Amino acid sequence: MRGKTLEQLLAEAQAQIGHTAAETLKAAIDNNAPVVILDVRDQEQYQAEHLPGAISLPRAAIELEIDEVVPDQDAHIVAHCGGNTRGSLSAHTLQIMGYKNASVLTGGFRGWKAAGLPTEKGAEADK
């Protein structure tokens, strides 16, 4: 018997997590709202360009490093990847791990860029 497909896992994750629009996240950043932006893309993609203030935590390291990166399980976390796949799966994993305020950036990094919102390059925002 075959297990679930990626499409099924993704649909389940997206049905259970919050979704944050790019404009909503930008307003939170502008207002210094307490939000943790997790860039779950590969480190090379993050170094090339990322959202202002984002923390690089690749999808493969979520379970291993999230407790050190974000010890407060009540923190508002917005995960993103290039589109929505890794970001949605990451936000869902975070919820399973007890981070109830985890959501995904709708449209991911590409959606952010398409909205004409600012980005940073290199290690400018590394924490």
C-alpha atoms as a PDB file:
ATOM      1  CA  MET A   1       0.000   0.000   0.000  1.00  0.00           C
ATOM      2  CA  ARG A   2       1.389   3.341  -1.071  1.00  0.00           C
ATOM      3  CA  GLY A   3       1.718   6.147   1.446  1.00  0.00           C
ATOM      4  CA  LYS A   4       0.702   9.735   0.858  1.00  0.00           C
ATOM      5  CA  THR A   5       1.988  11.672  -2.122  1.00  0.00           C
ATOM      6  CA  LEU A   6       3.667  15.060  -1.882  1.00  0.00           C
ATOM      7  CA  GLU A   7       0.480  16.637  -3.198  1.00  0.00           C
ATOM      8  CA  GLN A   8      -1.554  15.013  -0.422  1.00  0.00           C
ATOM      9  CA  LEU A   9       0.931  16.010   2.288  1.00  0.00           C
ATOM     10  CA  LEU A  10       1.011  19.562   0.951  1.00  0.00           C
ATOM     11  CA  ALA A  11      -2.797  19.817   0.801  1.00  0.00           C
ATOM     12  CA  GLU A  12      -3.071  18.596   4.400  1.00  0.00           C
ATOM     13  CA  ALA A  13      -0.399  21.034   5.567  1.00  0.00           C
ATOM     14  CA  GLN A  14      -1.957  23.998   3.777  1.00  0.00           C
ATOM     15  CA  ALA A  15      -5.366  23.194   5.263  1.00  0.00           C
ATOM     16  CA  GLN A  16      -3.972  23.223   8.801  1.00  0.00           C
ATOM     17  CA  ILE A  17      -1.586  26.194   8.799  1.00  0.00           C
ATOM     18  CA  GLY A  18      -2.077  29.927   8.715  1.00  0.00           C
ATOM     19  CA  HIS A  19      -1.340  31.909   5.572  1.00  0.00           C
ATOM     20  CA  THR A  20       0.275  35.351   5.727  1.00  0.00           C
ATOM     21  CA  ALA A  21       0.022  37.716   2.754  1.00  0.00           C
ATOM     22  CA  ALA A  22       3.178  39.549   1.667  1.00  0.00           C
ATOM     23  CA  GLU A  23       1.617  42.944   2.373  1.00  0.00           C
ATOM     24  CA  THR A  24       0.597  41.826   5.873  1.00  0.00           C
ATOM     25  CA  LEU A  25       4.123  40.644   6.637  1.00  0.00           C
ATOM     26  CA  LYS A  26       5.613  43.865   5.240  1.00  0.00           C
ATOM     27  CA  ALA A  27       3.318  45.912   7.521  1.00  0.00           C
ATOM     28  CA  ALA A  28       4.404  43.798  10.509  1.00  0.00           C
ATOM     29  CA  ILE A  29       8.056  44.423   9.641  1.00  0.00           C
ATOM     30  CA  ASP A  30       7.452  48.161   9.194  1.00  0.00           C
ATOM     31  CA  ASN A  31       5.662  48.319  12.563  1.00  0.00           C
ATOM     32  CA  ASN A  32       8.390  46.343  14.344  1.00  0.00           C
ATOM     33  CA  ALA A  33       5.854  43.664  15.254  1.00  0.00           C
ATOM     34  CA  PRO A  34       7.361  40.583  16.886  1.00  0.00           C
ATOM     35  CA  VAL A  35       7.583  38.161  13.969  1.00  0.00           C
ATOM     36  CA  VAL A  36      10.241  35.604  13.083  1.00  0.00           C
ATOM     37  CA  ILE A  37      10.727  35.201   9.336  1.00  0.00           C
ATOM     38  CA  LEU A  38      12.198  31.786   8.547  1.00  0.00           C
ATOM     39  CA  ASP A  39      13.710  31.361   5.104  1.00  0.00           C
ATOM     40  CA  VAL A  40      13.622  27.587   4.611  1.00  0.00           C
ATOM     41  CA  ARG A  41      15.310  27.650   1.211  1.00  0.00           C
ATOM     42  CA  ASP A  42      18.864  26.401   0.768  1.00  0.00           C
ATOM     43  CA  GLN A  43      21.634  28.557   2.244  1.00  0.00           C
ATOM     44  CA  GLU A  44      22.852  29.541  -1.242  1.00  0.00           C
ATOM     45  CA  GLN A  45      19.431  30.884  -2.164  1.00  0.00           C
ATOM     46  CA  TYR A  46      19.264  32.831   1.090  1.00  0.00           C
ATOM     47  CA  GLN A  47      22.717  34.347   0.531  1.00  0.00           C
ATOM     48  CA  ALA A  48      21.755  35.407  -2.990  1.00  0.00           C
ATOM     49  CA  GLU A  49      18.663  37.318  -1.809  1.00  0.00           C
ATOM     50  CA  HIS A  50      16.203  37.166   1.078  1.00  0.00           C
ATOM     51  CA  LEU A  51      13.486  39.053   2.933  1.00  0.00           C
ATOM     52  CA  PRO A  52      14.613  41.822   5.309  1.00  0.00           C
ATOM     53  CA  GLY A  53      15.341  40.382   8.738  1.00  0.00           C
ATOM     54  CA  ALA A  54      14.855  36.776   7.639  1.00  0.00           C
ATOM     55  CA  ILE A  55      16.709  33.970   9.383  1.00  0.00           C
ATOM     56  CA  SER A  56      18.090  31.165   7.257  1.00  0.00           C
ATOM     57  CA  LEU A  57      16.951  27.744   8.486  1.00  0.00           C
ATOM     58  CA  PRO A  58      16.822  25.294   5.565  1.00  0.00           C
ATOM     59  CA  ARG A  59      13.916  22.849   5.480  1.00  0.00           C
ATOM     60  CA  ALA A  60      16.245  19.927   6.184  1.00  0.00           C
ATOM     61  CA  ALA A  61      17.323  21.508   9.497  1.00  0.00           C
ATOM     62  CA  ILE A  62      13.944  22.567  10.916  1.00  0.00           C
ATOM     63  CA  GLU A  63      13.513  19.695  13.357  1.00  0.00           C
ATOM     64  CA  LEU A  64      17.180  19.747  14.357  1.00  0.00           C
ATOM     65  CA  GLU A  65      17.692  23.473  14.973  1.00  0.00           C
ATOM     66  CA  ILE A  66      14.363  25.227  15.589  1.00  0.00           C
ATOM     67  CA  ASP A  67      14.639  24.970  19.391  1.00  0.00           C
ATOM     68  CA  GLU A  68      17.891  26.933  19.292  1.00  0.00           C
ATOM     69  CA  VAL A  69      16.801  29.420  16.636  1.00  0.00           C
ATOM     70  CA  VAL A  70      13.346  30.113  18.109  1.00  0.00           C
ATOM     71  CA  PRO A  71      13.089  28.808  21.682  1.00  0.00           C
ATOM     72  CA  ASP A  72       9.739  30.568  22.310  1.00  0.00           C
ATOM     73  CA  GLN A  73       6.992  28.269  21.053  1.00  0.00           C
ATOM     74  CA  ASP A  74       4.508  31.154  21.278  1.00  0.00           C
ATOM     75  CA  ALA A  75       6.477  33.241  18.765  1.00  0.00           C
ATOM     76  CA  HIS A  76       4.777  34.353  15.568  1.00  0.00           C
ATOM     77  CA  ILE A  77       6.714  32.558  12.831  1.00  0.00           C
ATOM     78  CA  VAL A  78       6.264  33.047   9.093  1.00  0.00           C
ATOM     79  CA  ALA A  79       8.081  30.410   7.043  1.00  0.00           C
ATOM     80  CA  HIS A  80       8.769  30.786   3.353  1.00  0.00           C
ATOM     81  CA  CYS A  81      10.543  29.134   0.474  1.00  0.00           C
ATOM     82  CA  GLY A  82      10.579  30.080  -3.192  1.00  0.00           C
ATOM     83  CA  GLY A  83       6.898  29.315  -3.678  1.00  0.00           C
ATOM     84  CA  ASN A  84       4.845  27.492  -1.064  1.00  0.00           C
ATOM     85  CA  THR A  85       5.899  23.845  -0.872  1.00  0.00           C
ATOM     86  CA  ARG A  86       8.814  23.821   1.602  1.00  0.00           C
ATOM     87  CA  GLY A  87       7.362  26.796   3.477  1.00  0.00           C
ATOM     88  CA  SER A  88       4.001  25.083   3.967  1.00  0.00           C
ATOM     89  CA  LEU A  89       5.581  21.794   5.029  1.00  0.00           C
ATOM     90  CA  SER A  90       7.898  23.670   7.412  1.00  0.00           C
ATOM     91  CA  ALA A  91       5.059  25.645   9.017  1.00  0.00           C
ATOM     92  CA  HIS A  92       3.106  22.406   9.441  1.00  0.00           C
ATOM     93  CA  THR A  93       6.107  20.679  11.022  1.00  0.00           C
ATOM     94  CA  LEU A  94       6.520  23.632  13.383  1.00  0.00           C
ATOM     95  CA  GLN A  95       2.878  23.345  14.423  1.00  0.00           C
ATOM     96  CA  ILE A  96       3.321  19.638  15.091  1.00  0.00           C
ATOM     97  CA  MET A  97       6.353  20.531  17.226  1.00  0.00           C
ATOM     98  CA  GLY A  98       4.260  22.944  19.323  1.00  0.00           C
ATOM     99  CA  TYR A  99       4.733  26.276  17.496  1.00  0.00           C
ATOM    100  CA  LYS A 100       1.039  27.144  17.221  1.00  0.00           C
ATOM    101  CA  ASN A 101       1.617  30.583  15.629  1.00  0.00           C
ATOM    102  CA  ALA A 102       3.495  29.268  12.596  1.00  0.00           C
ATOM    103  CA  SER A 103       2.240  30.244   9.158  1.00  0.00           C
ATOM    104  CA  VAL A 104       3.446  30.305   5.568  1.00  0.00           C
ATOM    105  CA  LEU A 105       4.105  33.382   3.441  1.00  0.00           C
ATOM    106  CA  THR A 106       1.513  33.230   0.683  1.00  0.00           C
ATOM    107  CA  GLY A 107       3.342  32.981  -2.646  1.00  0.00           C
ATOM    108  CA  GLY A 108       6.704  32.600  -0.904  1.00  0.00           C
ATOM    109  CA  PHE A 109       9.768  34.556  -1.973  1.00  0.00           C
ATOM    110  CA  ARG A 110       8.544  34.805  -5.574  1.00  0.00           C
ATOM    111  CA  GLY A 111       5.256  36.328  -4.377  1.00  0.00           C
ATOM    112  CA  TRP A 112       7.148  38.819  -2.216  1.00  0.00           C
ATOM    113  CA  LYS A 113       9.299  39.874  -5.177  1.00  0.00           C
ATOM    114  CA  ALA A 114       6.311  40.033  -7.531  1.00  0.00           C
ATOM    115  CA  ALA A 115       4.678  42.479  -5.086  1.00  0.00           C
ATOM    116  CA  GLY A 116       7.739  44.721  -5.482  1.00  0.00           C
ATOM    117  CA  LEU A 117       8.725  44.429  -1.819  1.00  0.00           C
ATOM    118  CA  PRO A 118      12.320  44.956  -0.638  1.00  0.00           C
ATOM    119  CA  THR A 119      14.944  42.250  -0.259  1.00  0.00           C
ATOM    120  CA  GLU A 120      18.483  41.964   1.095  1.00  0.00           C
ATOM    121  CA  LYS A 121      21.537  40.134  -0.201  1.00  0.00           C
ATOM    122  CA  GLY A 122      24.298  38.197   1.497  1.00  0.00           C
ATOM    123  CA  ALA A 123      24.575  37.992   5.255  1.00  0.00           C
ATOM    124  CA  GLU A 124      23.139  41.462   5.986  1.00  0.00           C
ATOM    125  CA  ALA A 125      20.394  40.157   8.258  1.00  0.00           C
ATOM    126  CA  ASP A 126      22.013  37.010   9.647  1.00  0.00           C
ATOM    127  CA  LYS A 127      21.351  36.696  13.357  1.00  0.00           C
END
